[in-house]
Amino acid sequence: MSERITAPRSRGRAAPGSGESSAALDDDATLHAMGYPRKLTRRFKAFDNFAISFTIINIISGIFSSFGFGMNAGGPRILVFGWIGVSVMVLFIGAAMAEVASAYPTSGALYFSAGKLAKRHKGAWSWYTGWLNFVGQVGGTAATGYAAATFIQAFVAMQWSSYEPTAQQTVLITAVIIVLQGLANTYTVQLVAVLNRISVWWLLIGLVVIVSTLIVMPDDHQSASFVTHFANNTGFTNGLYGGMLGLLVTSWTFTGFDGSFHMSEETVQATVNAPKGITRAIGYSAITGLILMLALVYSIHDYDRVAGSSAPPVQILIDGLGMGMAKAMLLIVIGAMLFCGLANLTSNTRQIFAFSRDGAMPGSRWWHSVSPRTRTPVKAVWLAVGCSLALVLPGWWSHTAFTAIVSVNVVGLFLAYAVPIFLRLRLGDEFRPGPWNLGRWSRPVGIVAVTWILLSSVLFMLPQASPITVDTFNYASIALAVVLVVATIWWFATARRRFQGPVSYGRPDEVAAMDLI
């Protein structure tokens, strides 16, 4: 029978003068019942927890980065209606994950819950989930920094026409961005929380500015029926296949909402606020993203010229707003990408901290240590930075090589999302939900979530352009295979003897005495 852990939840008030709220006692009791002492500071309120997932999803960054692909793989019909359909599917995934997050609110998040929900082979389930999550998050940090560097250079080229971007310059700018984000994460949790709050308003105000400008300034817009326009410029003759590839635009955007789960140990009333952060981030992103998508679609002038440009959404801004205003809008986009990378690195760091705490990484004792001055896992921050830089480096010689390495980002993350949801389904009535749960809808929601993850993962690994060459080949399947092969060899060589899944540091009263005050 699967181990079932239910944290004792204090209902009473804190002792006078103790300085602890009943919510804080609840959070600590929950963590202690799962076998962990409190080492991180709980400074994330409900809005802060929501902010990190909303920022990582980042509809401005996601849509501007992938809009051009969607124009050639289905066009407006898939960009708009695909956004709606896939957003609903992602909300199913988020709701199923949120239920698990309410039951197991730890920084370990996906890998921890996988280990606890598995009936057998707990260590193996936890191991593979953790490494898929780790690789996916590192790839996300690298890819987001690279996208920001690309748009920064596009802005510079618009400002100074003599500037010519190169692969080497892109890598150097990406490295600077990731290091600066590492420095921001090195200092207090409060600083990261403040930056994430700012990022939410940057995204929302930026969205209003971009959409309003695209509505007011262009001399003309497409007709209402343009939303049904279909285009297949993928090189494949099968239109259905080309349109299904276009669904990836939305899937690419909706990654990283496990960030709220990873920040559980730094969130007050985490059993409720972490699941709410996940579902609200997805819901609000779905609505605001649809608004931005419609604004861009209806502002397209010459479809073929825009679709064939190096940066279609930038071309839409230039055509409709003029060069000066387009540059101003591009600054909003770049800012959104920088905030996205910062939040992604924060989430990545907490996953490393928790994975190391359970001894699943080389040098674990280093990576789960917490700075007594800043109360943040500083060494884990710089491990995340170093791994992201290592993924970016091949881009110095080949953009295709870089794409091949980070292509596992989305597939790795979504497969890591699927594992605890699947295990929770398999556990059935033995699962003891937290205060935020789906009730009788838990099973149907979970089935839809796992089914969609499997289908979309296949899509991510199929060829995305024809003819298939070295430069157009989709390397996601190879990258995923490499990760799984390495994890498997490592597991059978040494890990299975020393890693049995999430560990317990003792009874609740014992780990309570280990808390860092």
Protein backbone atom coordinates (compact mmCIF):
# COMPACT_ATOMS: atom_id res chain seq x y z
CA MET A 1 0.00 0.00 0.00
CA SER A 2 1.25 3.48 -0.85
CA GLU A 3 2.46 5.58 2.01
CA ARG A 4 -0.07 8.27 2.78
CA ILE A 5 1.10 11.40 4.47
CA THR A 6 -1.29 13.91 5.91
CA ALA A 7 0.19 16.89 7.65
CA PRO A 8 -1.34 17.91 10.95
CA ARG A 9 -2.91 21.30 10.53
CA SER A 10 -3.03 23.60 13.51
CA ARG A 11 -6.45 25.14 14.05
CA GLY A 12 -5.60 27.21 17.07
CA ARG A 13 -4.06 30.60 17.48
CA ALA A 14 -0.39 31.18 18.00
CA ALA A 15 0.81 31.67 21.50
CA PRO A 16 0.88 35.32 22.54
CA GLY A 17 4.22 36.89 21.75
CA SER A 18 5.39 33.92 19.70
CA GLY A 19 5.57 35.94 16.50
CA GLU A 20 4.05 33.02 14.56
CA SER A 21 0.67 33.11 12.85
CA SER A 22 -1.58 30.07 12.80
CA ALA A 23 -0.96 29.93 9.03
CA ALA A 24 2.78 29.69 9.61
CA LEU A 25 2.27 26.95 12.16
CA ASP A 26 0.08 25.12 9.65
CA ASP A 27 2.80 25.33 7.01
CA ASP A 28 5.54 24.19 9.34
CA ALA A 29 3.44 21.31 10.67
CA THR A 30 2.73 20.17 7.12
CA LEU A 31 6.42 20.25 6.22
CA HIS A 32 7.43 18.47 9.42
CA ALA A 33 4.88 15.71 8.78
CA MET A 34 6.57 15.09 5.43
CA GLY A 35 9.88 14.68 7.23
CA TYR A 36 11.60 17.99 6.47
CA PRO A 37 12.79 20.84 8.69
CA ARG A 38 12.09 24.41 7.65
CA LYS A 39 15.22 25.86 6.01
CA LEU A 40 13.72 28.48 3.70
CA THR A 41 11.92 31.67 4.68
CA ARG A 42 8.18 31.87 3.99
CA ARG A 43 7.79 35.30 2.42
CA PHE A 44 5.68 34.42 -0.62
CA LYS A 45 2.05 35.40 -0.20
CA ALA A 46 -0.74 34.14 -2.48
CA PHE A 47 -0.07 36.82 -5.09
CA ASP A 48 3.69 36.13 -5.06
CA ASN A 49 3.12 32.43 -5.63
CA PHE A 50 0.74 33.15 -8.51
CA ALA A 51 3.20 35.69 -9.90
CA ILE A 52 6.04 33.23 -10.40
CA SER A 53 3.98 30.83 -12.56
CA PHE A 54 2.27 33.68 -14.41
CA THR A 55 5.70 35.16 -15.14
CA ILE A 56 7.20 31.85 -16.31
CA ILE A 57 4.23 31.14 -18.59
CA ASN A 58 4.65 34.73 -19.79
CA ILE A 59 2.21 35.12 -22.67
CA ILE A 60 4.10 38.05 -24.19
CA SER A 61 7.37 36.13 -24.33
CA GLY A 62 5.75 32.89 -25.47
CA ILE A 63 3.54 34.35 -28.18
CA PHE A 64 6.16 36.68 -29.64
CA SER A 65 8.72 33.84 -29.71
CA SER A 66 6.50 31.30 -31.48
CA PHE A 67 3.97 33.37 -33.45
CA GLY A 68 5.92 33.02 -36.70
CA PHE A 69 5.87 29.23 -36.46
CA GLY A 70 2.09 29.32 -36.03
CA MET A 71 1.64 31.58 -39.05
CA ASN A 72 3.24 28.87 -41.19
CA ALA A 73 1.65 25.89 -39.37
CA GLY A 74 -2.08 26.52 -39.59
CA GLY A 75 -2.24 30.32 -39.66
CA PRO A 76 -4.88 32.38 -37.81
CA ARG A 77 -7.33 29.48 -37.55
CA ILE A 78 -4.88 27.44 -35.49
CA LEU A 79 -3.30 30.40 -33.70
CA VAL A 80 -6.67 31.52 -32.30
CA PHE A 81 -8.79 28.39 -32.00
CA GLY A 82 -5.77 26.25 -31.19
CA TRP A 83 -4.95 28.68 -28.38
CA ILE A 84 -8.44 28.25 -26.94
CA GLY A 85 -8.45 24.45 -27.20
CA VAL A 86 -4.95 23.86 -25.89
CA SER A 87 -5.45 26.37 -23.06
CA VAL A 88 -8.39 24.27 -21.84
CA MET A 89 -6.24 21.13 -21.98
CA VAL A 90 -3.45 22.84 -20.03
CA LEU A 91 -5.99 23.95 -17.44
CA PHE A 92 -6.87 20.28 -16.94
CA ILE A 93 -3.16 19.54 -16.40
CA GLY A 94 -2.81 22.46 -14.01
CA ALA A 95 -5.87 21.47 -11.98
CA ALA A 96 -4.63 17.88 -11.65
CA MET A 97 -1.17 19.12 -10.63
CA ALA A 98 -2.69 21.62 -8.19
CA GLU A 99 -4.50 18.82 -6.36
CA VAL A 100 -1.20 17.00 -5.90
CA ALA A 101 0.50 20.26 -4.83
CA SER A 102 -2.09 20.74 -2.09
CA ALA A 103 -1.32 17.27 -0.71
CA TYR A 104 2.49 17.57 -0.94
CA PRO A 105 3.51 21.25 -0.74
CA THR A 106 7.31 20.90 -0.95
CA SER A 107 10.09 22.37 -3.08
CA GLY A 108 10.60 18.86 -4.45
CA ALA A 109 7.17 19.20 -6.06
CA LEU A 110 6.89 16.72 -8.94
CA TYR A 111 9.63 14.26 -8.02
CA PHE A 112 8.65 14.27 -4.33
CA SER A 113 4.98 13.62 -5.04
CA ALA A 114 5.89 10.92 -7.59
CA GLY A 115 7.92 9.11 -4.94
CA LYS A 116 5.11 9.33 -2.40
CA LEU A 117 2.29 8.36 -4.80
CA ALA A 118 4.03 5.31 -6.27
CA LYS A 119 3.00 1.96 -4.82
CA ARG A 120 6.21 0.25 -5.90
CA HIS A 121 9.62 1.36 -7.15
CA LYS A 122 9.28 4.71 -5.40
CA GLY A 123 12.92 5.57 -5.97
CA ALA A 124 12.77 4.92 -9.73
CA TRP A 125 9.59 6.95 -10.25
CA SER A 126 11.04 9.80 -8.24
CA TRP A 127 14.42 9.59 -9.98
CA TYR A 128 13.13 9.82 -13.55
CA THR A 129 10.59 12.52 -12.70
CA GLY A 130 13.24 14.62 -10.97
CA TRP A 131 15.72 14.42 -13.82
CA LEU A 132 13.10 15.16 -16.49
CA ASN A 133 12.04 18.15 -14.43
CA PHE A 134 15.63 19.29 -13.89
CA VAL A 135 16.63 19.03 -17.55
CA GLY A 136 13.41 20.68 -18.69
CA GLN A 137 13.88 23.61 -16.34
CA VAL A 138 17.55 24.13 -17.22
CA GLY A 139 16.59 24.04 -20.89
CA GLY A 140 13.84 26.57 -20.21
CA THR A 141 16.23 29.01 -18.56
CA ALA A 142 18.68 28.68 -21.46
CA ALA A 143 16.01 29.00 -24.14
CA THR A 144 14.37 32.04 -22.51
CA GLY A 145 17.71 33.82 -22.14
CA TYR A 146 18.55 33.01 -25.76
CA ALA A 147 15.20 34.36 -26.96
CA ALA A 148 15.74 37.56 -24.96
CA ALA A 149 19.21 37.96 -26.47
CA THR A 150 17.76 37.48 -29.96
CA PHE A 151 15.11 40.16 -29.42
CA ILE A 152 17.65 42.51 -27.84
CA GLN A 153 19.75 42.23 -30.97
CA ALA A 154 16.67 42.79 -33.14
CA PHE A 155 16.07 46.01 -31.21
CA VAL A 156 19.69 47.09 -31.62
CA ALA A 157 19.53 46.36 -35.36
CA MET A 158 16.37 48.49 -35.62
CA GLN A 159 18.13 51.30 -33.76
CA TRP A 160 21.42 51.07 -35.66
CA SER A 161 21.06 49.59 -39.13
CA SER A 162 24.79 48.86 -39.39
CA TYR A 163 24.57 46.30 -36.56
CA GLU A 164 24.63 42.69 -37.72
CA PRO A 165 23.81 40.02 -35.09
CA THR A 166 26.01 36.94 -34.97
CA ALA A 167 25.70 33.60 -33.18
CA GLN A 168 28.64 34.48 -30.95
CA GLN A 169 27.07 37.78 -29.90
CA THR A 170 23.81 36.02 -29.11
CA VAL A 171 25.59 33.52 -26.86
CA LEU A 172 27.53 36.27 -25.05
CA ILE A 173 24.40 38.34 -24.42
CA THR A 174 22.57 35.23 -23.23
CA ALA A 175 25.40 34.49 -20.79
CA VAL A 176 25.26 38.02 -19.37
CA ILE A 177 21.47 37.77 -18.94
CA ILE A 178 21.63 34.43 -17.10
CA VAL A 179 24.46 35.58 -14.81
CA LEU A 180 22.52 38.75 -13.89
CA GLN A 181 19.45 36.63 -13.15
CA GLY A 182 21.66 34.43 -10.98
CA LEU A 183 22.81 37.47 -9.02
CA ALA A 184 19.21 38.55 -8.45
CA ASN A 185 18.37 35.07 -7.12
CA THR A 186 21.45 35.07 -4.89
CA TYR A 187 20.01 37.70 -2.60
CA THR A 188 16.90 37.55 -0.43
CA VAL A 189 13.68 35.77 -1.28
CA GLN A 190 12.03 39.13 -0.68
CA LEU A 191 13.89 40.63 -3.66
CA VAL A 192 12.74 37.81 -5.95
CA ALA A 193 9.18 38.21 -4.66
CA VAL A 194 9.26 41.96 -5.37
CA LEU A 195 10.63 41.41 -8.88
CA ASN A 196 7.92 38.84 -9.56
CA ARG A 197 5.24 41.26 -8.41
CA ILE A 198 6.66 43.88 -10.74
CA SER A 199 6.72 41.31 -13.54
CA VAL A 200 2.98 40.67 -13.25
CA TRP A 201 2.21 44.37 -13.66
CA TRP A 202 4.79 44.64 -16.44
CA LEU A 203 3.00 41.84 -18.29
CA LEU A 204 -0.51 43.18 -17.71
CA ILE A 205 0.27 46.83 -18.42
CA GLY A 206 2.49 45.83 -21.34
CA LEU A 207 -0.34 43.72 -22.74
CA VAL A 208 -2.77 46.64 -22.51
CA VAL A 209 -0.28 48.98 -24.18
CA ILE A 210 0.56 46.57 -27.04
CA VAL A 211 -3.06 45.57 -27.70
CA SER A 212 -4.40 49.12 -27.45
CA THR A 213 -1.73 50.41 -29.79
CA LEU A 214 -2.42 47.66 -32.33
CA ILE A 215 -6.14 48.50 -32.20
CA VAL A 216 -5.79 52.28 -32.50
CA MET A 217 -2.74 53.05 -34.64
CA PRO A 218 -2.85 50.84 -37.78
CA ASP A 219 -4.80 52.39 -40.68
CA ASP A 220 -6.70 49.17 -41.31
CA HIS A 221 -7.24 45.71 -39.87
CA GLN A 222 -8.22 42.35 -41.28
CA SER A 223 -11.92 41.49 -41.55
CA ALA A 224 -13.62 39.43 -38.85
CA SER A 225 -13.56 36.32 -41.06
CA PHE A 226 -9.76 36.43 -41.26
CA VAL A 227 -9.62 34.42 -38.05
CA THR A 228 -10.66 31.37 -40.10
CA HIS A 229 -7.79 31.77 -42.60
CA PHE A 230 -5.70 28.61 -42.85
CA ALA A 231 -2.08 28.47 -44.03
CA ASN A 232 0.25 25.51 -44.33
CA ASN A 233 3.80 26.52 -45.19
CA THR A 234 5.47 23.68 -43.32
CA GLY A 235 6.38 21.87 -46.54
CA PHE A 236 4.08 18.95 -45.69
CA THR A 237 1.17 18.48 -48.10
CA ASN A 238 -1.17 17.19 -45.40
CA GLY A 239 -2.97 20.24 -44.03
CA LEU A 240 -4.24 18.40 -40.96
CA TYR A 241 -0.69 17.53 -39.98
CA GLY A 242 0.48 21.09 -40.56
CA GLY A 243 -2.38 22.44 -38.44
CA MET A 244 -1.67 20.04 -35.59
CA LEU A 245 1.92 21.23 -35.53
CA GLY A 246 0.55 24.74 -35.02
CA LEU A 247 -0.94 23.63 -31.70
CA LEU A 248 2.60 23.61 -30.36
CA VAL A 249 2.55 27.43 -30.26
CA THR A 250 0.24 27.32 -27.24
CA SER A 251 2.01 24.34 -25.68
CA TRP A 252 5.36 26.12 -25.95
CA THR A 253 3.90 29.09 -24.10
CA PHE A 254 2.23 27.14 -21.29
CA THR A 255 5.25 25.67 -19.54
CA GLY A 256 6.71 26.32 -16.12
CA PHE A 257 3.53 26.60 -14.06
CA ASP A 258 5.06 24.03 -11.71
CA GLY A 259 6.97 27.07 -10.39
CA SER A 260 4.18 27.67 -7.86
CA PHE A 261 4.59 24.06 -6.68
CA HIS A 262 8.38 24.45 -6.28
CA MET A 263 7.93 27.61 -4.20
CA SER A 264 5.63 25.85 -1.71
CA GLU A 265 8.16 25.89 1.13
CA GLU A 266 8.46 29.66 0.79
CA THR A 267 4.71 30.31 0.50
CA VAL A 268 2.37 30.98 3.42
CA GLN A 269 -0.68 28.67 3.57
CA ALA A 270 0.96 26.67 0.81
CA THR A 271 -1.63 23.86 0.79
CA VAL A 272 -4.11 26.38 -0.63
CA ASN A 273 -2.04 29.17 -2.15
CA ALA A 274 0.25 26.94 -4.24
CA PRO A 275 -2.61 25.16 -6.06
CA LYS A 276 -4.42 28.46 -6.50
CA GLY A 277 -1.23 29.95 -7.93
CA ILE A 278 -1.03 27.17 -10.54
CA THR A 279 -4.64 27.34 -11.72
CA ARG A 280 -4.93 31.12 -11.63
CA ALA A 281 -1.71 31.57 -13.58
CA ILE A 282 -2.99 29.25 -16.33
CA GLY A 283 -6.48 30.78 -16.39
CA TYR A 284 -5.34 34.40 -16.52
CA SER A 285 -2.66 33.56 -19.08
CA ALA A 286 -5.25 31.85 -21.29
CA ILE A 287 -7.50 34.92 -21.32
CA THR A 288 -4.81 37.58 -21.71
CA GLY A 289 -2.95 35.47 -24.26
CA LEU A 290 -6.06 35.14 -26.43
CA ILE A 291 -6.47 38.93 -26.41
CA LEU A 292 -2.85 39.44 -27.51
CA MET A 293 -3.14 36.71 -30.14
CA LEU A 294 -6.25 38.33 -31.67
CA ALA A 295 -4.59 41.76 -31.69
CA LEU A 296 -1.57 40.42 -33.60
CA VAL A 297 -3.63 38.32 -36.03
CA TYR A 298 -5.95 41.17 -37.03
CA SER A 299 -2.99 43.54 -37.46
CA ILE A 300 -1.33 41.42 -40.17
CA HIS A 301 -1.14 43.34 -43.45
CA ASP A 302 0.71 41.32 -46.09
CA TYR A 303 0.41 37.75 -44.81
CA ASP A 304 3.04 36.11 -47.00
CA ARG A 305 5.59 38.87 -46.41
CA VAL A 306 5.08 38.79 -42.64
CA ALA A 307 5.15 34.98 -42.47
CA GLY A 308 8.40 34.92 -44.44
CA SER A 309 10.16 37.54 -42.34
CA SER A 310 12.82 36.66 -39.77
CA ALA A 311 10.64 37.90 -36.88
CA PRO A 312 6.94 37.98 -37.92
CA PRO A 313 5.51 39.66 -34.78
CA VAL A 314 8.17 42.39 -35.01
CA GLN A 315 7.27 42.88 -38.67
CA ILE A 316 3.60 43.25 -37.67
CA LEU A 317 4.56 46.00 -35.23
CA ILE A 318 6.68 47.81 -37.83
CA ASP A 319 3.97 47.59 -40.51
CA GLY A 320 1.18 48.78 -38.26
CA LEU A 321 2.89 51.19 -35.89
CA GLY A 322 5.98 52.49 -37.64
CA MET A 323 9.58 51.98 -36.63
CA GLY A 324 9.61 54.29 -33.60
CA MET A 325 6.56 52.84 -31.87
CA ALA A 326 7.58 49.29 -32.85
CA LYS A 327 10.85 49.75 -30.98
CA ALA A 328 8.97 50.92 -27.88
CA MET A 329 6.73 47.84 -28.01
CA LEU A 330 9.78 45.64 -28.47
CA LEU A 331 11.23 46.96 -25.20
CA ILE A 332 8.10 45.69 -23.44
CA VAL A 333 8.62 42.27 -25.01
CA ILE A 334 12.29 42.16 -24.01
CA GLY A 335 11.42 43.12 -20.43
CA ALA A 336 8.83 40.33 -20.29
CA MET A 337 11.42 37.79 -21.49
CA LEU A 338 13.92 38.91 -18.86
CA PHE A 339 11.34 38.56 -16.08
CA CYS A 340 10.39 35.14 -17.47
CA GLY A 341 13.98 33.92 -17.31
CA LEU A 342 14.40 35.22 -13.76
CA ALA A 343 11.32 33.37 -12.51
CA ASN A 344 12.31 30.21 -14.39
CA LEU A 345 15.75 30.25 -12.74
CA THR A 346 14.13 30.70 -9.32
CA SER A 347 11.94 27.64 -9.86
CA ASN A 348 14.91 25.66 -11.23
CA THR A 349 16.95 26.52 -8.13
CA ARG A 350 14.28 25.25 -5.73
CA GLN A 351 14.00 21.97 -7.61
CA ILE A 352 17.79 21.52 -7.36
CA PHE A 353 17.67 22.39 -3.64
CA ALA A 354 15.01 19.78 -2.93
CA PHE A 355 16.44 17.08 -5.22
CA SER A 356 19.82 17.48 -3.53
CA ARG A 357 18.26 17.43 -0.08
CA ASP A 358 17.21 13.86 -0.83
CA GLY A 359 20.67 12.93 -2.14
CA ALA A 360 19.72 12.55 -5.81
CA MET A 361 22.42 14.78 -7.32
CA PRO A 362 26.22 14.59 -7.40
CA GLY A 363 27.56 16.79 -4.60
CA SER A 364 24.14 16.93 -2.97
CA ARG A 365 25.49 18.26 0.33
CA TRP A 366 26.63 21.38 -1.52
CA TRP A 367 23.50 22.12 -3.49
CA HIS A 368 20.94 21.93 -0.69
CA SER A 369 22.82 24.22 1.66
CA VAL A 370 21.18 27.55 2.49
CA SER A 371 23.05 30.80 3.03
CA PRO A 372 22.59 31.91 6.66
CA ARG A 373 22.75 35.54 5.51
CA THR A 374 20.28 35.54 2.63
CA ARG A 375 18.27 32.41 3.54
CA THR A 376 18.43 31.29 -0.09
CA PRO A 377 20.06 28.18 -1.64
CA VAL A 378 22.87 30.21 -3.20
CA LYS A 379 24.97 27.26 -4.39
CA ALA A 380 21.93 25.74 -6.12
CA VAL A 381 21.40 29.08 -7.87
CA TRP A 382 24.85 28.97 -9.40
CA LEU A 383 24.58 25.31 -10.33
CA ALA A 384 21.42 26.22 -12.28
CA VAL A 385 23.27 29.14 -13.87
CA GLY A 386 26.25 26.95 -14.80
CA CYS A 387 24.08 24.22 -16.33
CA SER A 388 22.10 26.76 -18.35
CA LEU A 389 25.30 28.34 -19.65
CA ALA A 390 26.56 24.88 -20.64
CA LEU A 391 23.43 24.38 -22.75
CA VAL A 392 23.81 27.78 -24.40
CA LEU A 393 27.48 27.29 -25.34
CA PRO A 394 26.89 25.05 -28.43
CA GLY A 395 25.00 27.98 -29.96
CA TRP A 396 28.43 29.62 -30.45
CA TRP A 397 29.05 27.21 -33.33
CA SER A 398 25.58 26.12 -34.42
CA HIS A 399 22.05 27.36 -33.79
CA THR A 400 20.83 23.88 -34.76
CA ALA A 401 23.00 22.33 -32.02
CA PHE A 402 21.57 24.73 -29.45
CA THR A 403 18.02 24.00 -30.59
CA ALA A 404 18.68 20.27 -30.34
CA ILE A 405 19.81 20.58 -26.72
CA VAL A 406 17.03 22.83 -25.42
CA SER A 407 14.33 21.08 -27.46
CA VAL A 408 13.87 18.64 -24.58
CA ASN A 409 12.69 21.57 -22.42
CA VAL A 410 8.99 21.30 -23.13
CA VAL A 411 8.84 17.52 -23.57
CA GLY A 412 10.81 16.94 -20.37
CA LEU A 413 8.64 19.30 -18.35
CA PHE A 414 5.30 17.94 -19.55
CA LEU A 415 6.35 14.32 -19.05
CA ALA A 416 7.45 15.26 -15.53
CA TYR A 417 4.00 16.83 -15.04
CA ALA A 418 2.33 13.61 -16.22
CA VAL A 419 4.04 11.21 -13.80
CA PRO A 420 2.55 12.33 -10.44
CA ILE A 421 -0.87 12.86 -12.08
CA PHE A 422 -0.77 9.33 -13.49
CA LEU A 423 0.37 7.86 -10.17
CA ARG A 424 -2.36 9.74 -8.33
CA LEU A 425 -4.92 8.21 -10.75
CA ARG A 426 -3.48 4.74 -10.21
CA LEU A 427 -3.63 5.19 -6.44
CA GLY A 428 -7.39 5.82 -6.58
CA ASP A 429 -9.16 6.20 -3.26
CA GLU A 430 -5.96 5.59 -1.32
CA PHE A 431 -4.88 9.12 -2.18
CA ARG A 432 -5.55 11.56 0.65
CA PRO A 433 -6.10 15.00 -0.89
CA GLY A 434 -5.16 18.30 0.67
CA PRO A 435 -7.60 21.13 1.38
CA TRP A 436 -7.59 22.15 -2.32
CA ASN A 437 -8.95 19.22 -4.30
CA LEU A 438 -11.16 18.33 -7.26
CA GLY A 439 -13.48 15.98 -5.39
CA ARG A 440 -15.38 13.66 -7.72
CA TRP A 441 -13.88 15.40 -10.75
CA SER A 442 -10.37 14.34 -9.83
CA ARG A 443 -10.30 11.18 -11.94
CA PRO A 444 -11.82 12.54 -15.19
CA VAL A 445 -9.65 15.66 -15.00
CA GLY A 446 -6.54 13.54 -14.43
CA ILE A 447 -7.35 11.23 -17.34
CA VAL A 448 -7.78 14.15 -19.73
CA ALA A 449 -4.53 15.71 -18.44
CA VAL A 450 -2.40 12.59 -18.93
CA THR A 451 -3.94 11.85 -22.33
CA TRP A 452 -3.22 15.34 -23.62
CA ILE A 453 0.35 15.29 -22.32
CA LEU A 454 1.05 12.04 -24.16
CA LEU A 455 -0.50 13.31 -27.41
CA SER A 456 1.24 16.69 -27.30
CA SER A 457 4.58 15.04 -26.43
CA VAL A 458 4.32 12.97 -29.60
CA LEU A 459 3.62 16.17 -31.55
CA PHE A 460 6.70 17.81 -30.07
CA MET A 461 8.88 15.00 -31.37
CA LEU A 462 7.47 14.77 -34.91
CA PRO A 463 9.15 16.52 -37.88
CA GLN A 464 8.07 20.16 -38.01
CA ALA A 465 9.31 21.18 -41.48
CA SER A 466 9.82 19.54 -44.86
CA PRO A 467 12.11 18.66 -46.53
CA ILE A 468 13.81 17.11 -43.53
CA THR A 469 17.47 18.10 -43.40
CA VAL A 470 20.18 18.43 -40.76
CA ASP A 471 18.97 21.96 -40.04
CA THR A 472 15.21 21.23 -40.07
CA PHE A 473 15.26 17.86 -38.27
CA ASN A 474 13.42 17.82 -34.93
CA TYR A 475 16.01 16.74 -32.39
CA ALA A 476 13.60 16.62 -29.44
CA SER A 477 13.27 12.83 -29.62
CA ILE A 478 17.05 12.36 -29.68
CA ALA A 479 17.60 14.81 -26.82
CA LEU A 480 14.90 13.09 -24.75
CA ALA A 481 16.38 9.66 -25.52
CA VAL A 482 19.83 10.83 -24.42
CA VAL A 483 18.44 12.15 -21.12
CA LEU A 484 16.55 8.91 -20.44
CA VAL A 485 19.49 6.67 -21.41
CA VAL A 486 21.91 8.60 -19.18
CA ALA A 487 19.40 8.58 -16.30
CA THR A 488 18.85 4.83 -16.75
CA ILE A 489 22.55 3.93 -16.86
CA TRP A 490 23.16 6.13 -13.83
CA TRP A 491 20.21 4.56 -12.00
CA PHE A 492 21.32 0.97 -12.46
CA ALA A 493 25.01 1.74 -11.98
CA THR A 494 24.84 3.50 -8.63
CA ALA A 495 21.71 5.52 -7.88
CA ARG A 496 19.31 2.68 -7.10
CA ARG A 497 21.50 1.62 -4.17
CA ARG A 498 21.68 5.03 -2.54
CA PHE A 499 18.45 6.78 -3.63
CA GLN A 500 15.13 5.35 -2.53
CA GLY A 501 13.03 8.41 -3.21
CA PRO A 502 12.21 11.34 -0.90
CA VAL A 503 13.81 10.87 2.49
CA SER A 504 12.50 11.72 5.93
CA TYR A 505 14.77 13.49 8.38
CA GLY A 506 12.83 12.11 11.33
CA ARG A 507 9.56 12.35 13.21
CA PRO A 508 7.69 15.68 13.10
CA ASP A 509 8.97 16.66 16.55
CA GLU A 510 12.54 15.73 15.58
CA VAL A 511 12.61 17.72 12.35
CA ALA A 512 10.90 20.66 14.05
CA ALA A 513 13.97 20.95 16.27
CA MET A 514 16.12 21.24 13.12
CA ASP A 515 14.28 24.32 11.81
CA LEU A 516 16.42 27.31 10.92
CA ILE A 517 14.92 30.13 12.92
